[in-house]
Amino acid sequence: MATEVFNERELYPSYEVIGGKKVMAPAANPTHGSIIGRLYAFLFSYLDAQNAGYVFADDVDVYLLEGPLFKPDLIVVLEENSSIIDWNKGIYGAPDMVVEVLSRSTKKRDVTVKKDAYEANGVREYWIIDPWAKSVDVYLLHDGKYFFSDEYILFDADEFEKLTDAEKAEVKYEVPVSILEGLKVPLKYIFKWGYK
């Protein structure tokens, strides 16, 4: 007699609530998982050593005060803001930092609806990571509005050689974490899966 094999996530799918409607939150693929896993490890190491706060990856519910329920790819809550963490249920309020890794099915929401909601709720730092472009776009909150801080791109050798000397001089190899003064994450660390 054959044993039925099932996927628990099919029985209990992960979802977000956007505009009052449940929207499926697709499972991460290995590329996505590698990026978030490495960024989680980097931030966890720093936050734990400094006793400065907490980092969460994938599938943690974030209940924003202005309505939506999101499951950001990565969340940072600093120690001084840790009262928003309910360790049994989720996060109730605005994390200090949120990271979303683009996928073809979620890209539009990440750069519009989610960005707007994070801004409206006071998330201080928002990273949008594009795994195809190997880039990180950073938005910082000032006076209740997001301002584009910078785009950090990991160029391969061929792409780098096509840049002008002036463009090469402007290339940045690390992404600063604004909410953690002095901390920078190397792009080659984030995208190591493509650079062995």
C-alpha atoms as a PDB file:
ATOM      1  CA  MET A   1       0.000   0.000   0.000  1.00  0.00           C
ATOM      2  CA  ALA A   2       1.493   3.330  -1.065  1.00  0.00           C
ATOM      3  CA  THR A   3       1.992   6.016   1.513  1.00  0.00           C
ATOM      4  CA  GLU A   4       0.493   9.355   0.527  1.00  0.00           C
ATOM      5  CA  VAL A   5       3.091  12.097   0.443  1.00  0.00           C
ATOM      6  CA  PHE A   6       1.900  15.629   1.058  1.00  0.00           C
ATOM      7  CA  ASN A   7       3.362  19.046   1.435  1.00  0.00           C
ATOM      8  CA  GLU A   8       2.334  20.613   4.746  1.00  0.00           C
ATOM      9  CA  ARG A   9       2.590  24.084   3.173  1.00  0.00           C
ATOM     10  CA  GLU A  10      -0.086  23.044   0.651  1.00  0.00           C
ATOM     11  CA  LEU A  11      -2.422  22.146   3.518  1.00  0.00           C
ATOM     12  CA  TYR A  12      -1.542  25.238   5.564  1.00  0.00           C
ATOM     13  CA  PRO A  13      -0.317  27.790   3.045  1.00  0.00           C
ATOM     14  CA  SER A  14       1.510  30.916   4.130  1.00  0.00           C
ATOM     15  CA  TYR A  15      -0.260  34.151   3.310  1.00  0.00           C
ATOM     16  CA  GLU A  16      -0.205  37.902   3.782  1.00  0.00           C
ATOM     17  CA  VAL A  17      -3.178  40.239   4.092  1.00  0.00           C
ATOM     18  CA  ILE A  18      -3.058  43.094   1.587  1.00  0.00           C
ATOM     19  CA  GLY A  19      -5.985  45.418   0.995  1.00  0.00           C
ATOM     20  CA  GLY A  20      -8.137  43.219   3.227  1.00  0.00           C
ATOM     21  CA  LYS A  21      -7.512  40.127   1.067  1.00  0.00           C
ATOM     22  CA  LYS A  22      -5.414  37.046   1.720  1.00  0.00           C
ATOM     23  CA  VAL A  23      -2.530  36.803  -0.735  1.00  0.00           C
ATOM     24  CA  MET A  24      -0.404  33.663  -0.973  1.00  0.00           C
ATOM     25  CA  ALA A  25       3.192  34.129   0.189  1.00  0.00           C
ATOM     26  CA  PRO A  26       5.148  31.704  -2.006  1.00  0.00           C
ATOM     27  CA  ALA A  27       7.865  29.511  -0.540  1.00  0.00           C
ATOM     28  CA  ALA A  28      11.439  30.707  -1.068  1.00  0.00           C
ATOM     29  CA  ASN A  29      13.613  29.144  -3.764  1.00  0.00           C
ATOM     30  CA  PRO A  30      17.271  28.240  -3.016  1.00  0.00           C
ATOM     31  CA  THR A  31      18.651  31.526  -4.393  1.00  0.00           C
ATOM     32  CA  HIS A  32      16.252  33.539  -2.256  1.00  0.00           C
ATOM     33  CA  GLY A  33      16.926  31.325   0.753  1.00  0.00           C
ATOM     34  CA  SER A  34      20.684  31.660   0.380  1.00  0.00           C
ATOM     35  CA  ILE A  35      20.544  35.465   0.239  1.00  0.00           C
ATOM     36  CA  ILE A  36      18.290  35.717   3.283  1.00  0.00           C
ATOM     37  CA  GLY A  37      20.185  33.011   5.177  1.00  0.00           C
ATOM     38  CA  ARG A  38      23.524  34.725   4.712  1.00  0.00           C
ATOM     39  CA  LEU A  39      22.141  38.169   5.578  1.00  0.00           C
ATOM     40  CA  TYR A  40      20.413  36.701   8.635  1.00  0.00           C
ATOM     41  CA  ALA A  41      23.677  35.096   9.818  1.00  0.00           C
ATOM     42  CA  PHE A  42      25.616  38.335   9.330  1.00  0.00           C
ATOM     43  CA  LEU A  43      23.102  40.484  11.210  1.00  0.00           C
ATOM     44  CA  PHE A  44      22.468  37.892  13.918  1.00  0.00           C
ATOM     45  CA  SER A  45      26.178  37.661  14.683  1.00  0.00           C
ATOM     46  CA  TYR A  46      26.443  41.432  15.104  1.00  0.00           C
ATOM     47  CA  LEU A  47      23.194  41.950  17.043  1.00  0.00           C
ATOM     48  CA  ASP A  48      23.873  39.029  19.373  1.00  0.00           C
ATOM     49  CA  ALA A  49      27.444  40.115  20.133  1.00  0.00           C
ATOM     50  CA  GLN A  50      26.302  43.678  20.842  1.00  0.00           C
ATOM     51  CA  ASN A  51      23.099  42.621  22.637  1.00  0.00           C
ATOM     52  CA  ALA A  52      21.513  45.174  20.308  1.00  0.00           C
ATOM     53  CA  GLY A  53      18.349  43.455  19.078  1.00  0.00           C
ATOM     54  CA  TYR A  54      16.821  40.633  17.084  1.00  0.00           C
ATOM     55  CA  VAL A  55      16.675  39.433  13.490  1.00  0.00           C
ATOM     56  CA  PHE A  56      13.993  37.174  12.024  1.00  0.00           C
ATOM     57  CA  ALA A  57      13.848  35.474   8.627  1.00  0.00           C
ATOM     58  CA  ASP A  58      10.886  34.335   6.521  1.00  0.00           C
ATOM     59  CA  ASP A  59       7.405  33.492   7.700  1.00  0.00           C
ATOM     60  CA  VAL A  60       7.198  35.688  10.827  1.00  0.00           C
ATOM     61  CA  ASP A  61       3.928  37.619  10.904  1.00  0.00           C
ATOM     62  CA  VAL A  62       4.278  41.403  11.089  1.00  0.00           C
ATOM     63  CA  TYR A  63       1.036  43.153  12.056  1.00  0.00           C
ATOM     64  CA  LEU A  64       1.438  46.770  11.029  1.00  0.00           C
ATOM     65  CA  LEU A  65      -0.732  49.325  12.794  1.00  0.00           C
ATOM     66  CA  GLU A  66      -2.065  50.622   9.492  1.00  0.00           C
ATOM     67  CA  GLY A  67      -3.746  47.368   8.523  1.00  0.00           C
ATOM     68  CA  PRO A  68      -1.755  44.887   6.463  1.00  0.00           C
ATOM     69  CA  LEU A  69      -0.285  41.602   7.671  1.00  0.00           C
ATOM     70  CA  PHE A  70       3.064  40.954   6.028  1.00  0.00           C
ATOM     71  CA  LYS A  71       5.687  38.217   6.200  1.00  0.00           C
ATOM     72  CA  PRO A  72       8.858  40.116   5.258  1.00  0.00           C
ATOM     73  CA  ASP A  73      11.846  38.118   4.087  1.00  0.00           C
ATOM     74  CA  LEU A  74      13.987  39.558   6.881  1.00  0.00           C
ATOM     75  CA  ILE A  75      13.125  41.709   9.895  1.00  0.00           C
ATOM     76  CA  VAL A  76      15.318  43.566  12.397  1.00  0.00           C
ATOM     77  CA  VAL A  77      13.943  44.820  15.695  1.00  0.00           C
ATOM     78  CA  LEU A  78      16.372  46.739  17.880  1.00  0.00           C
ATOM     79  CA  GLU A  79      16.452  46.107  21.623  1.00  0.00           C
ATOM     80  CA  GLU A  80      14.892  49.463  22.462  1.00  0.00           C
ATOM     81  CA  ASN A  81      11.897  48.589  20.263  1.00  0.00           C
ATOM     82  CA  SER A  82      11.583  44.949  21.376  1.00  0.00           C
ATOM     83  CA  SER A  83       8.235  45.491  23.148  1.00  0.00           C
ATOM     84  CA  ILE A  84       6.579  45.031  19.718  1.00  0.00           C
ATOM     85  CA  ILE A  85       7.642  41.360  19.692  1.00  0.00           C
ATOM     86  CA  ASP A  86       5.104  38.821  20.917  1.00  0.00           C
ATOM     87  CA  TRP A  87       7.294  35.726  21.054  1.00  0.00           C
ATOM     88  CA  ASN A  88       4.311  33.397  20.592  1.00  0.00           C
ATOM     89  CA  LYS A  89       2.445  35.209  17.825  1.00  0.00           C
ATOM     90  CA  GLY A  90       4.426  37.737  15.802  1.00  0.00           C
ATOM     91  CA  ILE A  91       5.494  41.343  15.640  1.00  0.00           C
ATOM     92  CA  TYR A  92       2.921  44.037  16.398  1.00  0.00           C
ATOM     93  CA  GLY A  93       4.152  47.344  15.034  1.00  0.00           C
ATOM     94  CA  ALA A  94       6.935  48.672  12.840  1.00  0.00           C
ATOM     95  CA  PRO A  95      10.256  46.807  12.793  1.00  0.00           C
ATOM     96  CA  ASP A  96      13.359  48.989  12.583  1.00  0.00           C
ATOM     97  CA  MET A  97      14.431  47.389   9.307  1.00  0.00           C
ATOM     98  CA  VAL A  98      12.801  45.187   6.687  1.00  0.00           C
ATOM     99  CA  VAL A  99      14.372  43.364   3.727  1.00  0.00           C
ATOM    100  CA  GLU A 100      12.470  41.936   0.766  1.00  0.00           C
ATOM    101  CA  VAL A 101      14.095  39.782  -1.927  1.00  0.00           C
ATOM    102  CA  LEU A 102      12.375  40.213  -5.264  1.00  0.00           C
ATOM    103  CA  SER A 103      10.763  37.279  -7.008  1.00  0.00           C
ATOM    104  CA  ARG A 104       8.812  37.375 -10.234  1.00  0.00           C
ATOM    105  CA  SER A 105       5.544  36.769  -8.381  1.00  0.00           C
ATOM    106  CA  THR A 106       6.060  39.375  -5.625  1.00  0.00           C
ATOM    107  CA  LYS A 107       8.190  42.087  -7.244  1.00  0.00           C
ATOM    108  CA  LYS A 108       5.337  44.487  -7.953  1.00  0.00           C
ATOM    109  CA  ARG A 109       4.026  44.295  -4.360  1.00  0.00           C
ATOM    110  CA  ASP A 110       7.515  44.683  -2.869  1.00  0.00           C
ATOM    111  CA  VAL A 111       8.236  47.932  -4.708  1.00  0.00           C
ATOM    112  CA  THR A 112       4.753  49.468  -4.382  1.00  0.00           C
ATOM    113  CA  VAL A 113       2.228  48.256  -1.794  1.00  0.00           C
ATOM    114  CA  LYS A 114       4.761  46.953   0.719  1.00  0.00           C
ATOM    115  CA  LYS A 115       7.128  49.884   0.333  1.00  0.00           C
ATOM    116  CA  ASP A 116       4.240  52.300   0.875  1.00  0.00           C
ATOM    117  CA  ALA A 117       3.001  50.374   3.930  1.00  0.00           C
ATOM    118  CA  TYR A 118       6.449  50.186   5.509  1.00  0.00           C
ATOM    119  CA  GLU A 119       6.852  53.920   4.941  1.00  0.00           C
ATOM    120  CA  ALA A 120       3.410  54.772   6.388  1.00  0.00           C
ATOM    121  CA  ASN A 121       4.076  52.648   9.473  1.00  0.00           C
ATOM    122  CA  GLY A 122       7.525  54.065  10.219  1.00  0.00           C
ATOM    123  CA  VAL A 123       9.935  51.265   9.236  1.00  0.00           C
ATOM    124  CA  ARG A 124      13.212  53.191   9.363  1.00  0.00           C
ATOM    125  CA  GLU A 125      15.180  51.220   6.765  1.00  0.00           C
ATOM    126  CA  TYR A 126      13.952  49.178   3.811  1.00  0.00           C
ATOM    127  CA  TRP A 127      16.161  47.087   1.532  1.00  0.00           C
ATOM    128  CA  ILE A 128      14.950  45.676  -1.779  1.00  0.00           C
ATOM    129  CA  ILE A 129      17.298  42.961  -3.044  1.00  0.00           C
ATOM    130  CA  ASP A 130      17.229  41.983  -6.709  1.00  0.00           C
ATOM    131  CA  PRO A 131      18.871  38.552  -7.117  1.00  0.00           C
ATOM    132  CA  TRP A 132      19.055  38.817 -10.926  1.00  0.00           C
ATOM    133  CA  ALA A 133      20.790  42.206 -10.947  1.00  0.00           C
ATOM    134  CA  LYS A 134      22.751  41.339  -7.784  1.00  0.00           C
ATOM    135  CA  SER A 135      21.715  44.694  -6.382  1.00  0.00           C
ATOM    136  CA  VAL A 136      20.448  46.190  -3.135  1.00  0.00           C
ATOM    137  CA  ASP A 137      18.286  49.331  -3.185  1.00  0.00           C
ATOM    138  CA  VAL A 138      18.198  51.090   0.186  1.00  0.00           C
ATOM    139  CA  TYR A 139      15.413  53.404   1.351  1.00  0.00           C
ATOM    140  CA  LEU A 140      15.722  55.410   4.566  1.00  0.00           C
ATOM    141  CA  LEU A 141      12.892  57.110   6.432  1.00  0.00           C
ATOM    142  CA  HIS A 142      13.184  60.878   7.026  1.00  0.00           C
ATOM    143  CA  ASP A 143      10.273  62.931   8.353  1.00  0.00           C
ATOM    144  CA  GLY A 144       7.843  60.103   7.639  1.00  0.00           C
ATOM    145  CA  LYS A 145       8.878  59.660   3.986  1.00  0.00           C
ATOM    146  CA  TYR A 146      11.214  57.215   2.278  1.00  0.00           C
ATOM    147  CA  PHE A 147      14.167  58.647   0.440  1.00  0.00           C
ATOM    148  CA  PHE A 148      16.222  56.545  -1.926  1.00  0.00           C
ATOM    149  CA  SER A 149      19.633  56.313  -0.268  1.00  0.00           C
ATOM    150  CA  ASP A 150      21.617  54.362  -2.862  1.00  0.00           C
ATOM    151  CA  GLU A 151      21.797  51.315  -5.105  1.00  0.00           C
ATOM    152  CA  TYR A 152      24.604  48.837  -4.479  1.00  0.00           C
ATOM    153  CA  ILE A 153      25.467  46.514  -7.372  1.00  0.00           C
ATOM    154  CA  LEU A 154      27.834  43.556  -7.430  1.00  0.00           C
ATOM    155  CA  PHE A 155      29.436  43.706 -10.884  1.00  0.00           C
ATOM    156  CA  ASP A 156      31.140  40.690 -12.381  1.00  0.00           C
ATOM    157  CA  ALA A 157      34.566  41.228 -13.988  1.00  0.00           C
ATOM    158  CA  ASP A 158      33.177  41.711 -17.533  1.00  0.00           C
ATOM    159  CA  GLU A 159      30.531  44.201 -16.399  1.00  0.00           C
ATOM    160  CA  PHE A 160      33.073  46.118 -14.329  1.00  0.00           C
ATOM    161  CA  GLU A 161      35.438  46.499 -17.282  1.00  0.00           C
ATOM    162  CA  LYS A 162      32.659  48.109 -19.344  1.00  0.00           C
ATOM    163  CA  LEU A 163      32.333  50.946 -16.828  1.00  0.00           C
ATOM    164  CA  THR A 164      34.107  54.257 -17.359  1.00  0.00           C
ATOM    165  CA  ASP A 165      36.919  55.188 -14.971  1.00  0.00           C
ATOM    166  CA  ALA A 166      34.576  57.650 -13.259  1.00  0.00           C
ATOM    167  CA  GLU A 167      31.905  54.944 -12.852  1.00  0.00           C
ATOM    168  CA  LYS A 168      34.467  52.463 -11.492  1.00  0.00           C
ATOM    169  CA  ALA A 169      35.513  55.008  -8.878  1.00  0.00           C
ATOM    170  CA  GLU A 170      31.875  55.265  -7.717  1.00  0.00           C
ATOM    171  CA  VAL A 171      31.354  51.499  -7.254  1.00  0.00           C
ATOM    172  CA  LYS A 172      30.603  50.518  -3.660  1.00  0.00           C
ATOM    173  CA  TYR A 173      31.409  47.042  -2.373  1.00  0.00           C
ATOM    174  CA  GLU A 174      29.554  47.147   0.961  1.00  0.00           C
ATOM    175  CA  VAL A 175      26.023  48.102   1.990  1.00  0.00           C
ATOM    176  CA  PRO A 176      25.865  50.180   5.182  1.00  0.00           C
ATOM    177  CA  VAL A 177      23.155  49.293   7.698  1.00  0.00           C
ATOM    178  CA  SER A 178      21.848  52.701   8.696  1.00  0.00           C
ATOM    179  CA  ILE A 179      20.142  51.564  11.913  1.00  0.00           C
ATOM    180  CA  LEU A 180      23.389  49.920  13.118  1.00  0.00           C
ATOM    181  CA  GLU A 181      26.048  52.604  12.965  1.00  0.00           C
ATOM    182  CA  GLY A 182      29.301  51.451  11.422  1.00  0.00           C
ATOM    183  CA  LEU A 183      28.001  48.069  10.227  1.00  0.00           C
ATOM    184  CA  LYS A 184      28.460  47.305   6.520  1.00  0.00           C
ATOM    185  CA  VAL A 185      27.557  44.112   4.666  1.00  0.00           C
ATOM    186  CA  PRO A 186      29.853  43.114   1.767  1.00  0.00           C
ATOM    187  CA  LEU A 187      27.946  42.546  -1.471  1.00  0.00           C
ATOM    188  CA  LYS A 188      30.051  39.453  -2.196  1.00  0.00           C
ATOM    189  CA  TYR A 189      28.831  38.014   1.093  1.00  0.00           C
ATOM    190  CA  ILE A 190      25.155  38.607   0.257  1.00  0.00           C
ATOM    191  CA  PHE A 191      25.465  37.160  -3.264  1.00  0.00           C
ATOM    192  CA  LYS A 192      28.084  34.476  -2.540  1.00  0.00           C
ATOM    193  CA  TRP A 193      25.975  31.783  -4.233  1.00  0.00           C
ATOM    194  CA  GLY A 194      26.913  33.350  -7.572  1.00  0.00           C
ATOM    195  CA  TYR A 195      30.603  33.880  -6.767  1.00  0.00           C
ATOM    196  CA  LYS A 196      32.253  30.642  -5.610  1.00  0.00           C
END
